[in-house]
Amino acid sequence: MEYRYQHEDQEHRIQLDPNGNGNYTALIGDKTYQVEIKRLQSGYMMLMINGKRLHAYTTTSRSPQTGIQKRHVALVDREASIFELAKPQANTRRKSTRAGGGNLTAQMPGQVTQVLVTEGEIVKQGQPLLLLEAMKMEIRLTAPHGGRVTRLLVKQGATVERGQQLVEVGSE
């Protein structure tokens, strides 16, 4: 799974692959890390990264004006250094599409928690189309470009597989 976070003004890509038993291999830039994650309570977890202990505090908030959810992570090490990470702004995030079109596909197995558009509706680039829940994360799928929703292939509550086509957005 790929995650993107912003620290200060720089965006970082984190490729996180499960090894089992709460252990992961993380690729950040050209460096590889072994990560063990222990979820201790909601919003708090302990991480062991290459043997170094970090505490992670997470929170989410939703803008009442735009409905966009923001997720923040604060990492605190033994020396009390704090690293604040936030999801990049919507215009810098990767779009959840296959190359060359307006077909949105599931990037991982999950469940459709909310369908935000109807077939035939005109949408703007970056507009949220539907929400998926996968591995206790909310994933917002957005329109890859402005246009009309030509096909809506899932309903709220549907379980989807990785690579499954969810929505088609054609030109206006």
Protein backbone atom coordinates (compact mmCIF):
# COMPACT_ATOMS: atom_id res chain seq x y z
CA MET A 1 0.00 0.00 0.00
CA GLU A 2 1.22 3.46 -0.77
CA TYR A 3 0.69 6.38 1.58
CA ARG A 4 1.57 9.98 0.98
CA TYR A 5 2.21 12.39 3.80
CA GLN A 6 3.37 15.95 4.01
CA HIS A 7 5.97 17.06 6.55
CA GLU A 8 6.44 20.83 6.56
CA ASP A 9 6.38 21.66 2.82
CA GLN A 10 7.72 18.35 1.52
CA GLU A 11 5.64 15.37 0.40
CA HIS A 12 6.86 11.85 1.23
CA ARG A 13 5.76 8.54 -0.25
CA ILE A 14 5.66 5.53 2.04
CA GLN A 15 5.26 2.06 0.53
CA LEU A 16 4.08 -0.24 3.33
CA ASP A 17 3.97 -4.00 2.72
CA PRO A 18 2.70 -6.44 5.39
CA ASN A 19 4.97 -9.28 6.52
CA GLY A 20 2.42 -10.71 8.97
CA ASN A 21 1.90 -10.51 12.76
CA GLY A 22 1.77 -6.71 12.73
CA ASN A 23 5.16 -6.42 11.00
CA TYR A 24 5.75 -4.44 7.82
CA THR A 25 8.50 -3.50 5.42
CA ALA A 26 8.41 0.23 4.70
CA LEU A 27 10.11 1.86 1.73
CA ILE A 28 10.59 5.62 2.12
CA GLY A 29 12.58 7.12 -0.73
CA ASP A 30 15.46 4.71 -1.28
CA LYS A 31 15.59 3.47 2.34
CA THR A 32 13.98 0.29 3.67
CA TYR A 33 12.77 -0.06 7.26
CA GLN A 34 11.39 -2.95 9.29
CA VAL A 35 8.33 -1.77 11.20
CA GLU A 36 6.33 -3.42 13.96
CA ILE A 37 3.02 -1.80 14.80
CA LYS A 38 1.17 -2.32 18.07
CA ARG A 39 -2.20 -0.59 18.25
CA LEU A 40 -2.67 0.17 21.93
CA GLN A 41 -5.88 2.18 21.80
CA SER A 42 -7.87 4.33 19.42
CA GLY A 43 -5.62 7.11 18.13
CA TYR A 44 -2.46 5.72 19.73
CA MET A 45 0.05 3.09 18.66
CA MET A 46 3.62 2.10 19.39
CA LEU A 47 6.01 1.58 16.49
CA MET A 48 9.35 -0.19 16.42
CA ILE A 49 11.24 1.04 13.37
CA ASN A 50 14.52 -0.81 12.85
CA GLY A 51 14.60 -1.32 16.63
CA LYS A 52 13.87 2.33 17.51
CA ARG A 53 10.67 2.94 19.48
CA LEU A 54 8.28 5.68 18.40
CA HIS A 55 4.85 6.55 19.69
CA ALA A 56 2.29 7.57 17.09
CA TYR A 57 -0.77 9.64 17.82
CA THR A 58 -3.37 9.94 15.09
CA THR A 59 -6.42 12.09 14.67
CA THR A 60 -8.85 12.83 11.90
CA SER A 61 -11.06 15.81 11.26
CA ARG A 62 -13.60 16.61 8.58
CA SER A 63 -14.05 20.11 7.20
CA PRO A 64 -17.69 21.16 7.66
CA GLN A 65 -17.47 23.32 4.52
CA THR A 66 -15.94 20.82 2.06
CA GLY A 67 -16.52 17.47 3.75
CA ILE A 68 -12.86 16.62 3.14
CA GLN A 69 -11.34 14.45 5.84
CA LYS A 70 -7.84 15.27 7.08
CA ARG A 71 -5.70 12.74 8.91
CA HIS A 72 -2.76 13.84 11.04
CA VAL A 73 -0.03 11.72 12.59
CA ALA A 74 2.38 12.89 15.29
CA LEU A 75 5.43 10.68 15.84
CA VAL A 76 7.29 11.08 19.13
CA ASP A 77 10.63 9.35 19.79
CA ARG A 78 12.49 8.74 23.09
CA GLU A 79 14.20 12.12 22.86
CA ALA A 80 10.78 13.80 22.58
CA SER A 81 11.37 14.85 18.98
CA ILE A 82 8.02 15.38 17.30
CA PHE A 83 7.38 14.83 13.60
CA GLU A 84 3.98 16.00 12.40
CA LEU A 85 2.67 14.43 9.23
CA ALA A 86 -0.51 15.29 7.35
CA LYS A 87 -2.11 14.01 4.17
CA PRO A 88 -1.09 16.24 1.22
CA GLN A 89 -3.60 18.73 -0.12
CA ALA A 90 -6.13 17.21 -2.53
CA ASN A 91 -4.51 18.75 -5.62
CA THR A 92 -1.20 16.97 -4.92
CA ARG A 93 -2.64 13.54 -4.12
CA ARG A 94 -2.53 10.58 -6.43
CA LYS A 95 -5.77 9.97 -8.26
CA SER A 96 -7.28 6.52 -7.87
CA THR A 97 -7.60 5.68 -11.53
CA ARG A 98 -6.02 3.54 -14.15
CA ALA A 99 -3.93 5.42 -16.65
CA GLY A 100 -5.69 6.91 -19.62
CA GLY A 101 -9.26 7.42 -18.55
CA GLY A 102 -11.96 8.11 -16.06
CA ASN A 103 -12.32 4.56 -14.73
CA LEU A 104 -11.88 4.47 -10.99
CA THR A 105 -10.82 1.15 -9.52
CA ALA A 106 -10.40 -0.14 -5.98
CA GLN A 107 -6.76 0.05 -4.91
CA MET A 108 -7.36 -2.61 -2.22
CA PRO A 109 -10.21 -4.85 -1.05
CA GLY A 110 -12.78 -3.05 1.06
CA GLN A 111 -16.37 -2.04 1.56
CA VAL A 112 -18.22 0.88 -0.02
CA THR A 113 -19.38 2.99 2.93
CA GLN A 114 -20.89 5.88 0.99
CA VAL A 115 -21.77 6.69 -2.64
CA LEU A 116 -21.67 10.46 -3.06
CA VAL A 117 -22.88 10.78 -6.69
CA THR A 118 -25.51 9.37 -9.02
CA GLU A 119 -25.24 8.06 -12.55
CA GLY A 120 -25.58 10.96 -15.01
CA GLU A 121 -24.38 13.56 -12.51
CA ILE A 122 -21.89 16.22 -13.67
CA VAL A 123 -18.75 16.24 -11.48
CA LYS A 124 -15.67 18.42 -11.17
CA GLN A 125 -12.08 17.19 -11.10
CA GLY A 126 -11.16 16.13 -7.55
CA GLN A 127 -14.79 15.90 -6.40
CA PRO A 128 -15.34 12.98 -4.00
CA LEU A 129 -17.37 10.21 -5.69
CA LEU A 130 -17.43 7.49 -3.07
CA LEU A 131 -15.87 6.36 0.18
CA LEU A 132 -14.33 2.95 0.82
CA GLU A 133 -13.32 1.42 4.12
CA ALA A 134 -10.31 -0.87 3.91
CA MET A 135 -8.16 -2.07 6.81
CA LYS A 136 -9.91 0.39 9.15
CA MET A 137 -9.00 3.31 6.86
CA GLU A 138 -11.37 5.55 4.96
CA ILE A 139 -10.37 5.96 1.32
CA ARG A 140 -11.91 8.80 -0.70
CA LEU A 141 -12.13 8.19 -4.44
CA THR A 142 -12.26 11.41 -6.44
CA ALA A 143 -13.10 12.33 -10.03
CA PRO A 144 -9.96 12.14 -12.20
CA HIS A 145 -11.32 14.96 -14.38
CA GLY A 146 -14.47 16.97 -14.84
CA GLY A 147 -17.28 15.22 -16.68
CA ARG A 148 -20.39 13.09 -16.32
CA VAL A 149 -20.67 9.91 -14.23
CA THR A 150 -21.47 7.49 -17.05
CA ARG A 151 -21.57 4.29 -14.97
CA LEU A 152 -21.84 3.68 -11.26
CA LEU A 153 -20.85 0.05 -10.75
CA VAL A 154 -21.21 -0.30 -6.95
CA LYS A 155 -23.75 0.49 -4.24
CA GLN A 156 -23.34 1.43 -0.60
CA GLY A 157 -22.48 -1.65 1.45
CA ALA A 158 -20.89 -3.53 -1.47
CA THR A 159 -17.68 -5.45 -0.86
CA VAL A 160 -15.07 -4.80 -3.57
CA GLU A 161 -11.85 -6.49 -4.62
CA ARG A 162 -8.56 -4.84 -5.58
CA GLY A 163 -8.66 -3.69 -9.19
CA GLN A 164 -12.46 -3.86 -9.40
CA GLN A 165 -13.94 -1.06 -11.49
CA LEU A 166 -16.16 1.20 -9.37
CA VAL A 167 -17.10 4.30 -11.38
CA GLU A 168 -16.69 5.59 -14.93
CA VAL A 169 -16.45 9.33 -15.57
CA GLY A 170 -16.81 10.43 -19.19
CA SER A 171 -16.48 13.85 -20.74
CA GLU A 172 -19.37 16.33 -20.40
